[in-house]
Every structure is written in C-alpha cells, then in structure tokens.
Amino acid sequence: MKIQPTHIVFDIKGVLIEKSSNGYTVIPEGLDILTRCHAIKDNNGLQLHTLYALSNAKEEVLQKWQLDFPHIFHRFNGIVISDQIGYKKPDHRIYQHLLQTYQLNPNHCIYIDDSYENVIAAQNIGFVALHCTSHTTIVEHLKNLNVL
C-alpha cells in the first residue's frame, strides 16, 4: 500500500528524550521512529512527511537539548514550545497555535505523546493521536496508518 504524506508531531520529553541521572539522554527507539519518518521520500526524492515538535519545555531546556542533540532537532520542520507562547499541553490553544503557525490541517496530522491527557486533547482538535506507552506499538500504529 502506498505511504501517504503526513504531518507528524512529536512530543520531545518521554518520546525522544528522557531524564537520566546525568541530565537527558536520547531514547533510541524514539530516535529510530523519527529517523524513519524523516527518511521516507516521495517519487521526486523529497521528504514525504513534515515533522514537528510540540513541547512543554522551558526555553533554556529546549536550547540545551538543541545543542546536545542536534541529530534530533535538525529533522524538524518546526518547533512549538509552551514557554514561547504561554499555553501548556493539554490546553487546546497550544495545538491550535501549531496548526495556525505552520498552516496544518489537524486531519492530516499524527500526534505522538507519552501523556494520555495530551493525546486526548490532540484527538479533540482532530489529530490522529497515539499514546506512546511502547515505541514498538507506535511503529505498528504508524505502519497501520501507512506512514511507515
């Protein structure tokens, strides 16, 4: 079956990065999902999916992550963090801000978050939202949605 172009929105902490005893570390399975989504090309060799980050991170934390993990952040077409706009997930306004800023249709967006409350909020806006309790399950969902 043909893979459909999609906007994929990732939560950062809990899906791609986790807190560890000496700061933050990359979640290898999350990085694998991001890398696979980023690598899919259309018939012209262009990136098929657009990738976004939506996070409740503080500005200084995001800046540190961007310095420490450039191999994650260079893959995003856009990033929205609550500290910059004044709304935190699960407030519907942060999802609306993402949609308006990047001119996205929520019906063409997949949202991945480890917080069930945030997943429900995204679903209420119109996203296909996946609760990340297992990265293996996320891969299966993305395959079922013809994203991978």
N, C-alpha and C. Protein backbone atom coordinates (compact mmCIF):
# COMPACT_ATOMS: atom_id res chain seq x y z
N MET A 1 0.84 -1.18 0.00
CA MET A 1 0.00 0.00 0.00
C MET A 1 0.88 1.24 0.00
N LYS A 2 0.46 2.26 -0.71
CA LYS A 2 1.23 3.49 -0.85
C LYS A 2 1.24 4.27 0.47
N ILE A 3 2.41 4.78 0.83
CA ILE A 3 2.56 5.60 2.02
C ILE A 3 2.05 7.01 1.70
N GLN A 4 1.20 7.52 2.57
CA GLN A 4 0.58 8.83 2.39
C GLN A 4 1.40 9.92 3.08
N PRO A 5 1.51 11.10 2.45
CA PRO A 5 2.21 12.20 3.12
C PRO A 5 1.42 12.65 4.34
N THR A 6 2.14 12.93 5.39
CA THR A 6 1.51 13.24 6.67
C THR A 6 2.37 14.25 7.42
N HIS A 7 1.73 14.99 8.32
CA HIS A 7 2.43 15.83 9.28
C HIS A 7 2.50 15.03 10.58
N ILE A 8 3.68 14.81 11.07
CA ILE A 8 3.85 14.03 12.30
C ILE A 8 4.40 14.95 13.38
N VAL A 9 3.68 15.01 14.48
CA VAL A 9 4.02 15.92 15.58
C VAL A 9 4.46 15.07 16.76
N PHE A 10 5.68 15.32 17.23
CA PHE A 10 6.27 14.57 18.33
C PHE A 10 6.32 15.41 19.59
N ASP A 11 5.94 14.81 20.70
CA ASP A 11 6.32 15.35 22.00
C ASP A 11 7.81 15.02 22.13
N ILE A 12 8.57 15.81 22.83
CA ILE A 12 10.01 15.56 22.92
C ILE A 12 10.33 14.70 24.14
N LYS A 13 10.06 15.24 25.33
CA LYS A 13 10.42 14.53 26.56
C LYS A 13 9.45 13.38 26.78
N GLY A 14 9.98 12.18 26.82
CA GLY A 14 9.17 10.99 27.02
C GLY A 14 9.00 10.18 25.76
N VAL A 15 9.18 10.82 24.60
CA VAL A 15 9.08 10.11 23.32
C VAL A 15 10.46 10.03 22.67
N LEU A 16 11.19 11.15 22.68
CA LEU A 16 12.50 11.20 22.03
C LEU A 16 13.66 11.33 23.01
N ILE A 17 13.42 11.99 24.12
CA ILE A 17 14.45 12.26 25.13
C ILE A 17 13.88 11.94 26.50
N GLU A 18 14.74 11.43 27.39
CA GLU A 18 14.29 11.15 28.75
C GLU A 18 15.32 11.67 29.75
N LYS A 19 14.82 11.97 30.93
CA LYS A 19 15.69 12.43 32.01
C LYS A 19 16.50 11.25 32.51
N SER A 20 17.78 11.49 32.78
CA SER A 20 18.65 10.45 33.32
C SER A 20 19.41 11.01 34.51
N SER A 21 20.22 10.19 35.13
CA SER A 21 20.95 10.63 36.32
C SER A 21 21.92 11.77 36.02
N ASN A 22 22.39 11.88 34.78
CA ASN A 22 23.32 12.96 34.44
C ASN A 22 22.75 13.87 33.35
N GLY A 23 21.48 14.23 33.48
CA GLY A 23 20.86 15.16 32.54
C GLY A 23 19.77 14.49 31.72
N TYR A 24 19.93 14.54 30.41
CA TYR A 24 18.97 13.94 29.49
C TYR A 24 19.70 13.03 28.52
N THR A 25 19.00 11.99 28.09
CA THR A 25 19.55 11.07 27.10
C THR A 25 18.50 10.82 26.01
N VAL A 26 18.99 10.41 24.87
CA VAL A 26 18.12 10.07 23.75
C VAL A 26 17.48 8.72 24.02
N ILE A 27 16.21 8.59 23.68
CA ILE A 27 15.53 7.30 23.70
C ILE A 27 15.78 6.69 22.32
N PRO A 28 16.60 5.64 22.22
CA PRO A 28 16.98 5.10 20.91
C PRO A 28 15.78 4.71 20.03
N GLU A 29 14.76 4.12 20.62
CA GLU A 29 13.59 3.70 19.84
C GLU A 29 12.82 4.92 19.30
N GLY A 30 12.77 5.98 20.08
CA GLY A 30 12.13 7.21 19.63
C GLY A 30 12.90 7.85 18.49
N LEU A 31 14.23 7.88 18.62
CA LEU A 31 15.07 8.41 17.56
C LEU A 31 14.91 7.59 16.29
N ASP A 32 14.79 6.28 16.43
CA ASP A 32 14.59 5.41 15.27
C ASP A 32 13.29 5.76 14.54
N ILE A 33 12.22 5.98 15.28
CA ILE A 33 10.93 6.34 14.66
C ILE A 33 11.07 7.68 13.93
N LEU A 34 11.67 8.66 14.59
CA LEU A 34 11.86 9.98 13.98
C LEU A 34 12.70 9.86 12.71
N THR A 35 13.78 9.11 12.79
CA THR A 35 14.68 8.93 11.65
C THR A 35 13.97 8.24 10.49
N ARG A 36 13.20 7.22 10.78
CA ARG A 36 12.46 6.51 9.73
C ARG A 36 11.42 7.41 9.07
N CYS A 37 10.71 8.18 9.87
CA CYS A 37 9.71 9.11 9.31
C CYS A 37 10.37 10.16 8.44
N HIS A 38 11.53 10.64 8.87
CA HIS A 38 12.26 11.67 8.14
C HIS A 38 12.84 11.14 6.84
N ALA A 39 13.21 9.87 6.81
CA ALA A 39 13.91 9.29 5.66
C ALA A 39 13.00 8.95 4.48
N ILE A 40 11.71 8.88 4.69
CA ILE A 40 10.80 8.48 3.61
C ILE A 40 10.70 9.60 2.59
N LYS A 41 10.93 9.26 1.33
CA LYS A 41 10.93 10.24 0.24
C LYS A 41 9.76 9.98 -0.71
N ASP A 42 9.35 11.04 -1.40
CA ASP A 42 8.33 10.89 -2.43
C ASP A 42 8.99 10.48 -3.75
N ASN A 43 8.24 10.42 -4.84
CA ASN A 43 8.77 9.99 -6.13
C ASN A 43 9.84 10.93 -6.69
N ASN A 44 9.88 12.17 -6.19
CA ASN A 44 10.87 13.15 -6.64
C ASN A 44 12.09 13.21 -5.72
N GLY A 45 12.13 12.31 -4.73
CA GLY A 45 13.25 12.30 -3.80
C GLY A 45 13.15 13.32 -2.69
N LEU A 46 11.98 13.94 -2.53
CA LEU A 46 11.78 14.94 -1.47
C LEU A 46 11.19 14.27 -0.24
N GLN A 47 11.44 14.85 0.91
CA GLN A 47 10.91 14.33 2.17
C GLN A 47 9.38 14.26 2.09
N LEU A 48 8.83 13.09 2.35
CA LEU A 48 7.38 12.89 2.23
C LEU A 48 6.62 13.49 3.41
N HIS A 49 7.11 13.23 4.62
CA HIS A 49 6.41 13.69 5.83
C HIS A 49 7.06 14.97 6.35
N THR A 50 6.25 15.87 6.88
CA THR A 50 6.79 17.01 7.61
C THR A 50 6.72 16.67 9.09
N LEU A 51 7.75 17.03 9.81
CA LEU A 51 7.89 16.64 11.21
C LEU A 51 7.97 17.89 12.09
N TYR A 52 7.23 17.83 13.19
CA TYR A 52 7.16 18.97 14.11
C TYR A 52 7.35 18.47 15.54
N ALA A 53 7.80 19.38 16.40
CA ALA A 53 7.90 19.10 17.82
C ALA A 53 6.95 20.05 18.56
N LEU A 54 6.27 19.49 19.55
CA LEU A 54 5.35 20.27 20.39
C LEU A 54 5.68 19.89 21.83
N SER A 55 6.15 20.86 22.62
CA SER A 55 6.67 20.52 23.94
C SER A 55 6.30 21.56 24.98
N ASN A 56 6.20 21.10 26.21
CA ASN A 56 6.01 21.99 27.35
C ASN A 56 7.35 22.40 27.96
N ALA A 57 8.43 22.22 27.25
CA ALA A 57 9.77 22.53 27.75
C ALA A 57 9.95 24.03 27.96
N LYS A 58 10.81 24.35 28.88
CA LYS A 58 11.24 25.74 29.08
C LYS A 58 12.21 26.10 27.96
N GLU A 59 12.29 27.36 27.63
CA GLU A 59 13.16 27.84 26.55
C GLU A 59 14.61 27.39 26.75
N GLU A 60 15.13 27.55 27.97
CA GLU A 60 16.53 27.21 28.21
C GLU A 60 16.77 25.69 28.11
N VAL A 61 15.78 24.91 28.48
CA VAL A 61 15.89 23.44 28.34
C VAL A 61 15.91 23.06 26.86
N LEU A 62 15.01 23.65 26.08
CA LEU A 62 14.99 23.38 24.65
C LEU A 62 16.33 23.75 24.01
N GLN A 63 16.89 24.90 24.37
CA GLN A 63 18.18 25.31 23.81
C GLN A 63 19.28 24.32 24.15
N LYS A 64 19.27 23.81 25.37
CA LYS A 64 20.26 22.80 25.76
C LYS A 64 20.06 21.52 24.95
N TRP A 65 18.81 21.08 24.82
CA TRP A 65 18.53 19.89 24.01
C TRP A 65 19.01 20.08 22.58
N GLN A 66 18.77 21.25 22.02
CA GLN A 66 19.18 21.51 20.64
C GLN A 66 20.70 21.45 20.48
N LEU A 67 21.43 21.90 21.49
CA LEU A 67 22.89 21.81 21.47
C LEU A 67 23.37 20.38 21.68
N ASP A 68 22.75 19.68 22.61
CA ASP A 68 23.18 18.32 22.96
C ASP A 68 22.73 17.28 21.95
N PHE A 69 21.60 17.51 21.28
CA PHE A 69 21.02 16.51 20.38
C PHE A 69 20.66 17.09 19.01
N PRO A 70 21.63 17.69 18.32
CA PRO A 70 21.31 18.30 17.02
C PRO A 70 20.78 17.27 16.01
N HIS A 71 21.20 16.02 16.16
CA HIS A 71 20.75 14.96 15.24
C HIS A 71 19.25 14.69 15.38
N ILE A 72 18.64 15.14 16.45
CA ILE A 72 17.19 15.07 16.60
C ILE A 72 16.56 16.32 16.00
N PHE A 73 17.03 17.46 16.41
CA PHE A 73 16.33 18.72 16.10
C PHE A 73 16.48 19.17 14.65
N HIS A 74 17.51 18.75 13.95
CA HIS A 74 17.63 19.16 12.55
C HIS A 74 16.58 18.49 11.67
N ARG A 75 15.91 17.48 12.18
CA ARG A 75 14.90 16.77 11.40
C ARG A 75 13.53 17.47 11.42
N PHE A 76 13.33 18.41 12.33
CA PHE A 76 12.03 19.05 12.47
C PHE A 76 11.85 20.20 11.48
N ASN A 77 10.65 20.26 10.91
CA ASN A 77 10.28 21.39 10.05
C ASN A 77 9.83 22.58 10.89
N GLY A 78 9.48 22.33 12.15
CA GLY A 78 9.06 23.40 13.04
C GLY A 78 8.94 22.90 14.47
N ILE A 79 9.07 23.83 15.41
CA ILE A 79 9.00 23.51 16.83
C ILE A 79 8.14 24.55 17.53
N VAL A 80 7.23 24.09 18.38
CA VAL A 80 6.44 24.98 19.23
C VAL A 80 6.65 24.52 20.67
N ILE A 81 7.04 25.48 21.52
CA ILE A 81 7.16 25.16 22.95
C ILE A 81 6.29 26.12 23.74
N SER A 82 5.75 25.57 24.81
CA SER A 82 4.79 26.33 25.62
C SER A 82 5.41 27.60 26.21
N ASP A 83 6.67 27.54 26.56
CA ASP A 83 7.34 28.68 27.18
C ASP A 83 7.34 29.90 26.26
N GLN A 84 7.31 29.68 24.95
CA GLN A 84 7.34 30.79 23.99
C GLN A 84 5.96 31.39 23.74
N ILE A 85 4.90 30.60 23.96
CA ILE A 85 3.57 31.10 23.60
C ILE A 85 2.60 31.24 24.77
N GLY A 86 2.96 30.72 25.94
CA GLY A 86 2.13 30.93 27.12
C GLY A 86 1.03 29.91 27.34
N TYR A 87 0.97 28.85 26.54
CA TYR A 87 -0.02 27.78 26.73
C TYR A 87 0.72 26.46 26.87
N LYS A 88 0.24 25.63 27.80
CA LYS A 88 0.85 24.33 28.00
C LYS A 88 -0.12 23.24 27.61
N LYS A 89 0.43 22.15 27.06
CA LYS A 89 -0.41 20.98 26.82
C LYS A 89 -0.98 20.55 28.17
N PRO A 90 -2.19 20.18 28.26
CA PRO A 90 -3.15 19.84 27.22
C PRO A 90 -4.09 20.98 26.79
N ASP A 91 -3.75 22.22 27.09
CA ASP A 91 -4.58 23.36 26.66
C ASP A 91 -4.71 23.33 25.13
N HIS A 92 -5.93 23.35 24.63
CA HIS A 92 -6.17 23.24 23.20
C HIS A 92 -5.50 24.35 22.39
N ARG A 93 -5.22 25.48 23.04
CA ARG A 93 -4.63 26.61 22.31
C ARG A 93 -3.22 26.34 21.82
N ILE A 94 -2.47 25.47 22.51
CA ILE A 94 -1.10 25.17 22.03
C ILE A 94 -1.17 24.35 20.74
N TYR A 95 -2.13 23.45 20.65
CA TYR A 95 -2.31 22.65 19.42
C TYR A 95 -2.79 23.56 18.28
N GLN A 96 -3.71 24.47 18.59
CA GLN A 96 -4.20 25.42 17.60
C GLN A 96 -3.08 26.32 17.10
N HIS A 97 -2.20 26.72 18.02
CA HIS A 97 -1.07 27.56 17.65
C HIS A 97 -0.16 26.84 16.65
N LEU A 98 0.13 25.58 16.91
CA LEU A 98 0.93 24.78 15.99
C LEU A 98 0.28 24.72 14.62
N LEU A 99 -1.02 24.43 14.60
CA LEU A 99 -1.75 24.32 13.33
C LEU A 99 -1.74 25.63 12.56
N GLN A 100 -1.99 26.73 13.25
CA GLN A 100 -2.04 28.04 12.59
C GLN A 100 -0.66 28.49 12.14
N THR A 101 0.34 28.30 12.97
CA THR A 101 1.70 28.74 12.65
C THR A 101 2.22 28.06 11.39
N TYR A 102 1.97 26.76 11.28
CA TYR A 102 2.51 26.01 10.15
C TYR A 102 1.46 25.67 9.09
N GLN A 103 0.27 26.25 9.24
CA GLN A 103 -0.83 26.07 8.28
C GLN A 103 -1.11 24.59 8.02
N LEU A 104 -1.36 23.87 9.12
CA LEU A 104 -1.62 22.43 9.06
C LEU A 104 -3.10 22.15 9.26
N ASN A 105 -3.57 21.12 8.62
CA ASN A 105 -4.92 20.62 8.82
C ASN A 105 -4.82 19.49 9.85
N PRO A 106 -5.53 19.58 10.97
CA PRO A 106 -5.39 18.54 12.00
C PRO A 106 -5.76 17.15 11.49
N ASN A 107 -6.61 17.07 10.47
CA ASN A 107 -6.99 15.78 9.92
C ASN A 107 -5.87 15.09 9.16
N HIS A 108 -4.79 15.83 8.90
CA HIS A 108 -3.62 15.27 8.22
C HIS A 108 -2.43 15.17 9.17
N CYS A 109 -2.70 15.28 10.48
CA CYS A 109 -1.63 15.27 11.48
C CYS A 109 -1.73 14.04 12.38
N ILE A 110 -0.58 13.49 12.68
CA ILE A 110 -0.47 12.43 13.67
C ILE A 110 0.34 13.01 14.82
N TYR A 111 -0.18 12.85 16.02
CA TYR A 111 0.47 13.38 17.21
C TYR A 111 0.89 12.22 18.10
N ILE A 112 2.14 12.25 18.58
CA ILE A 112 2.68 11.18 19.43
C ILE A 112 3.13 11.79 20.74
N ASP A 113 2.59 11.30 21.85
CA ASP A 113 2.92 11.83 23.17
C ASP A 113 2.84 10.69 24.19
N ASP A 114 3.63 10.80 25.25
CA ASP A 114 3.58 9.78 26.30
C ASP A 114 2.54 10.11 27.37
N SER A 115 1.91 11.28 27.27
CA SER A 115 0.87 11.68 28.23
C SER A 115 -0.51 11.41 27.64
N TYR A 116 -1.28 10.58 28.29
CA TYR A 116 -2.62 10.25 27.82
C TYR A 116 -3.50 11.49 27.75
N GLU A 117 -3.38 12.36 28.73
CA GLU A 117 -4.17 13.60 28.76
C GLU A 117 -3.88 14.46 27.52
N ASN A 118 -2.61 14.54 27.12
CA ASN A 118 -2.25 15.32 25.93
C ASN A 118 -2.76 14.66 24.65
N VAL A 119 -2.76 13.34 24.63
CA VAL A 119 -3.27 12.59 23.47
C VAL A 119 -4.75 12.87 23.29
N ILE A 120 -5.51 12.83 24.38
CA ILE A 120 -6.95 13.10 24.30
C ILE A 120 -7.19 14.54 23.82
N ALA A 121 -6.42 15.49 24.33
CA ALA A 121 -6.57 16.88 23.90
C ALA A 121 -6.32 17.03 22.40
N ALA A 122 -5.29 16.36 21.89
CA ALA A 122 -4.99 16.42 20.45
C ALA A 122 -6.10 15.76 19.63
N GLN A 123 -6.64 14.66 20.12
CA GLN A 123 -7.75 14.00 19.43
C GLN A 123 -8.96 14.92 19.36
N ASN A 124 -9.21 15.66 20.42
CA ASN A 124 -10.35 16.58 20.44
C ASN A 124 -10.22 17.71 19.42
N ILE A 125 -8.99 18.01 19.00
CA ILE A 125 -8.74 19.03 17.98
C ILE A 125 -8.91 18.43 16.58
N GLY A 126 -8.76 17.11 16.47
CA GLY A 126 -8.89 16.46 15.17
C GLY A 126 -7.68 15.67 14.72
N PHE A 127 -6.61 15.67 15.53
CA PHE A 127 -5.42 14.89 15.23
C PHE A 127 -5.72 13.39 15.36
N VAL A 128 -4.99 12.58 14.61
CA VAL A 128 -4.87 11.16 14.96
C VAL A 128 -3.79 11.17 16.04
N ALA A 129 -4.11 10.76 17.24
CA ALA A 129 -3.17 10.89 18.35
C ALA A 129 -2.83 9.52 18.91
N LEU A 130 -1.54 9.29 19.10
CA LEU A 130 -1.04 8.00 19.57
C LEU A 130 -0.39 8.16 20.94
N HIS A 131 -0.84 7.34 21.87
CA HIS A 131 -0.28 7.35 23.22
C HIS A 131 0.94 6.45 23.24
N CYS A 132 2.09 7.02 23.49
CA CYS A 132 3.36 6.30 23.44
C CYS A 132 3.66 5.62 24.78
N THR A 133 3.14 4.41 24.93
CA THR A 133 3.49 3.60 26.08
C THR A 133 4.55 2.58 25.71
N SER A 134 4.70 2.37 24.39
CA SER A 134 5.70 1.46 23.84
C SER A 134 6.05 1.95 22.44
N HIS A 135 7.34 2.12 22.19
CA HIS A 135 7.75 2.56 20.86
C HIS A 135 7.44 1.51 19.81
N THR A 136 7.46 0.25 20.18
CA THR A 136 7.11 -0.82 19.24
C THR A 136 5.66 -0.67 18.79
N THR A 137 4.79 -0.35 19.72
CA THR A 137 3.38 -0.14 19.40
C THR A 137 3.21 1.08 18.49
N ILE A 138 3.98 2.13 18.71
CA ILE A 138 3.91 3.32 17.86
C ILE A 138 4.31 2.96 16.43
N VAL A 139 5.35 2.17 16.27
CA VAL A 139 5.77 1.73 14.93
C VAL A 139 4.63 0.97 14.25
N GLU A 140 3.98 0.08 14.98
CA GLU A 140 2.87 -0.70 14.40
C GLU A 140 1.71 0.22 14.01
N HIS A 141 1.39 1.19 14.86
CA HIS A 141 0.33 2.15 14.54
C HIS A 141 0.68 2.95 13.27
N LEU A 142 1.93 3.39 13.18
CA LEU A 142 2.35 4.17 12.02
C LEU A 142 2.31 3.32 10.74
N LYS A 143 2.64 2.06 10.86
CA LYS A 143 2.53 1.16 9.70
C LYS A 143 1.07 0.99 9.31
N ASN A 144 0.20 0.81 10.29
CA ASN A 144 -1.23 0.66 10.01
C ASN A 144 -1.84 1.92 9.40
N LEU A 145 -1.25 3.07 9.70
CA LEU A 145 -1.72 4.34 9.15
C LEU A 145 -1.04 4.67 7.81
N ASN A 146 -0.24 3.74 7.30
CA ASN A 146 0.51 3.91 6.04
C ASN A 146 1.49 5.07 6.10
N VAL A 147 2.12 5.25 7.25
CA VAL A 147 3.12 6.29 7.42
C VAL A 147 4.52 5.69 7.30
N LEU A 148 4.69 4.48 7.75
CA LEU A 148 5.98 3.77 7.63
C LEU A 148 5.82 2.59 6.71
